[in-house]
Protein backbone atom coordinates (compact mmCIF):
# COMPACT_ATOMS: atom_id res chain seq x y z
CA MET A 1 -36.65 39.68 32.94
CA ASN A 2 -35.61 40.35 36.48
CA THR A 3 -32.89 38.54 38.50
CA ALA A 4 -35.15 35.94 39.99
CA GLU A 5 -36.77 35.27 36.88
CA LEU A 6 -33.43 34.58 35.21
CA LEU A 7 -32.33 32.29 38.15
CA ALA A 8 -35.48 30.32 37.85
CA GLU A 9 -35.05 29.98 34.01
CA GLN A 10 -31.41 28.81 34.48
CA LEU A 11 -32.41 26.26 37.15
CA GLN A 12 -35.11 24.84 34.81
CA GLY A 13 -32.77 24.66 31.96
CA SER A 14 -30.39 22.65 34.05
CA ARG A 15 -33.24 20.37 35.21
CA ASP A 16 -34.59 19.93 31.80
CA TRP A 17 -31.08 18.51 30.83
CA THR A 18 -31.16 16.14 33.76
CA LEU A 19 -34.46 14.89 32.78
CA ILE A 20 -33.34 14.07 29.21
CA LEU A 21 -30.43 12.08 30.58
CA ILE A 22 -32.66 10.08 32.79
CA ALA A 23 -35.68 9.69 30.67
CA ASP A 24 -34.92 6.31 29.25
CA LEU A 25 -33.52 4.57 32.60
CA GLN A 26 -35.22 1.47 33.42
CA GLY A 27 -34.95 -1.09 36.20
CA ASP A 28 -31.20 -1.75 37.13
CA ASP A 29 -30.02 1.26 35.16
CA TRP A 30 -31.19 3.38 38.09
CA GLY A 31 -28.52 1.53 40.45
CA TYR A 32 -25.88 1.01 37.91
CA GLN A 33 -22.43 1.82 39.91
CA PRO A 34 -19.11 1.40 37.62
CA THR A 35 -17.34 0.79 40.80
CA PRO A 36 -18.47 0.29 44.55
CA GLY A 37 -19.15 3.61 46.22
CA ALA A 38 -19.60 5.53 42.96
CA GLN A 39 -22.84 7.57 42.43
CA HIS A 40 -25.67 5.97 40.73
CA ALA A 41 -28.47 7.72 39.00
CA LEU A 42 -31.06 7.15 41.69
CA TRP A 43 -28.70 8.59 44.39
CA ILE A 44 -27.93 11.54 42.13
CA CYS A 45 -31.62 12.34 41.45
CA GLY A 46 -32.38 11.96 45.20
CA HIS A 47 -29.45 14.11 45.96
CA LEU A 48 -30.69 16.84 43.65
CA ALA A 49 -34.06 17.05 45.39
CA SER A 50 -32.39 17.28 48.74
CA ALA A 51 -29.88 19.95 47.46
CA GLN A 52 -32.83 22.12 46.49
CA ASN A 53 -34.21 21.83 49.91
CA THR A 54 -31.07 22.44 51.43
CA LEU A 55 -29.70 25.37 49.41
CA VAL A 56 -33.04 27.19 48.88
CA PHE A 57 -35.55 26.38 51.57
CA LYS A 58 -33.25 25.70 54.66
CA ARG A 59 -30.45 28.16 54.12
CA CYS A 60 -32.07 30.83 52.32
CA LEU A 61 -35.75 30.84 53.39
CA GLY A 62 -35.40 29.27 56.90
CA ARG A 63 -37.68 26.26 56.40
CA ASP A 64 -37.74 22.61 55.49
CA GLU A 65 -39.80 21.26 52.56
CA LEU A 66 -38.38 17.64 52.40
CA SER A 67 -38.94 14.87 54.83
CA ALA A 68 -35.74 13.46 56.80
CA GLY A 69 -37.11 10.17 55.69
CA PHE A 70 -36.39 10.86 52.15
CA ARG A 71 -33.25 13.16 52.70
CA ASP A 72 -31.46 10.55 54.86
CA HIS A 73 -31.13 8.22 51.75
CA PHE A 74 -28.96 10.73 50.13
CA PRO A 75 -26.26 12.04 52.59
CA ILE A 76 -23.80 14.64 51.39
CA GLY A 77 -20.17 13.39 51.50
CA SER A 78 -20.62 9.78 52.56
CA PRO A 79 -20.09 6.74 50.35
CA VAL A 80 -22.92 5.73 47.93
CA LEU A 81 -24.28 2.58 48.87
CA SER A 82 -25.65 0.05 46.37
CA PHE A 83 -29.26 -1.05 45.92
CA GLY A 84 -28.12 -4.27 47.74
CA GLU A 85 -26.58 -2.30 50.65
CA HIS A 86 -29.45 0.17 51.23
CA PRO A 87 -33.31 0.20 50.85
CA PHE A 88 -33.52 3.17 48.58
CA PRO A 89 -37.00 4.71 47.65
CA SER A 90 -38.19 3.44 44.25
CA PRO A 91 -37.20 5.37 41.06
CA HIS A 92 -40.69 6.44 40.82
CA GLU A 93 -40.79 7.82 44.43
CA VAL A 94 -37.46 9.82 43.69
CA ARG A 95 -38.61 11.21 40.31
CA ALA A 96 -41.92 12.26 42.09
CA GLU A 97 -39.94 14.12 44.87
CA MET A 98 -37.66 15.60 42.24
CA ASP A 99 -40.76 17.05 40.34
CA ARG A 100 -42.32 18.16 43.52
CA MET A 101 -39.19 20.00 44.81
CA GLN A 102 -38.50 21.59 41.40
CA THR A 103 -41.90 22.91 41.27
CA LYS A 104 -41.69 24.33 44.76
CA THR A 105 -38.34 25.65 44.21
CA ILE A 106 -39.11 27.51 40.94
CA GLU A 107 -42.14 29.04 42.59
CA ALA A 108 -40.08 30.16 45.63
CA ILE A 109 -37.33 31.70 43.42
CA ALA A 110 -39.75 33.58 41.24
CA GLY A 111 -41.13 35.25 44.33
CA LEU A 112 -37.84 36.66 45.48
CA ASP A 113 -37.20 40.42 45.23
CA ASP A 114 -33.70 41.93 44.63
CA ALA A 115 -33.42 42.70 48.30
CA LYS A 116 -33.97 39.24 49.35
CA LEU A 117 -31.49 37.82 46.73
CA ALA A 118 -29.06 40.14 48.21
CA GLU A 119 -29.39 38.89 51.90
CA PRO A 120 -26.48 36.66 53.21
CA ALA A 121 -26.88 32.88 52.93
CA PHE A 122 -24.66 30.48 54.78
CA GLY A 123 -23.53 26.98 54.72
CA LEU A 124 -23.82 24.14 57.11
CA GLU A 125 -24.14 25.48 60.75
CA GLY A 126 -24.25 29.02 59.82
CA LYS A 127 -20.69 29.05 58.41
CA PRO A 128 -19.59 30.76 55.33
CA HIS A 129 -19.99 28.58 52.22
CA PRO A 130 -17.11 28.32 49.82
CA HIS A 131 -19.37 28.76 46.79
CA TYR A 132 -21.74 31.62 47.69
CA ALA A 133 -22.32 34.28 50.22
CA THR A 134 -25.86 35.43 49.18
CA VAL A 135 -29.27 34.05 48.36
CA CYS A 136 -28.66 34.93 44.89
CA GLY A 137 -25.43 33.20 44.95
CA ALA A 138 -26.97 30.01 46.51
CA ILE A 139 -29.56 29.78 43.83
CA SER A 140 -27.02 30.29 41.21
CA HIS A 141 -24.82 27.59 42.75
CA LEU A 142 -27.88 25.33 42.76
CA THR A 143 -27.86 25.62 38.91
CA ARG A 144 -24.03 24.80 38.78
CA HIS A 145 -24.74 21.86 41.13
CA GLU A 146 -27.44 20.45 39.04
CA ALA A 147 -25.22 20.84 35.89
CA PHE A 148 -22.34 19.11 37.73
CA HIS A 149 -24.52 16.09 38.66
CA ALA A 150 -25.97 15.97 35.05
CA GLY A 151 -22.50 15.73 33.90
CA GLN A 152 -22.06 12.67 35.98
CA LEU A 153 -25.18 11.16 34.59
CA ALA A 154 -23.91 11.40 30.89
CA PRO A 155 -20.94 9.16 31.23
CA LEU A 156 -23.00 6.62 33.45
CA ARG A 157 -25.31 6.45 30.48
CA ARG A 158 -22.54 5.61 28.07
CA LEU A 159 -20.99 2.93 30.59
CA MET A 160 -24.46 1.25 30.52
CA GLY A 161 -24.37 1.22 26.66
CA LYS A 162 -26.87 3.76 26.12
CA SER A 163 -26.54 6.20 23.15
CA PHE A 164 -24.97 9.73 23.32
CA ILE A 165 -27.47 12.50 23.68
CA ARG A 166 -26.90 16.08 22.55
């Protein structure tokens, strides 16, 4: 197994865990917020699709694979609005975009050679990013990022009264 295959496998493993955590969400579960401004499952899932686009396609491969119309619903660093405050895409639309971006991302990663993985990757506006310096680092960060947000989904599930998942 080469480095790109390992990165793709790790990212798929993180996504598989996310999908387990959201598999039984229905209706209002997607927008449940324990407190105003807190992340809800729909925002987290849309944000994960947006992050794949940003970290892999924009910052590493120099192209954009996600429409601004979708991405603009899930801005980084701003308060998360409730369903009543913002017209989010439906859970079905968000899940479809998650799946589409995951497929494109895994395919893109699998095609990278060690030379490309060693190239520099930057953050916003071409500035150094605090969590990575190379394409390999950006992709590795994407896996950590997915796992971080899966870690937010788990307690949201419990707060909604859903069962523990292992």
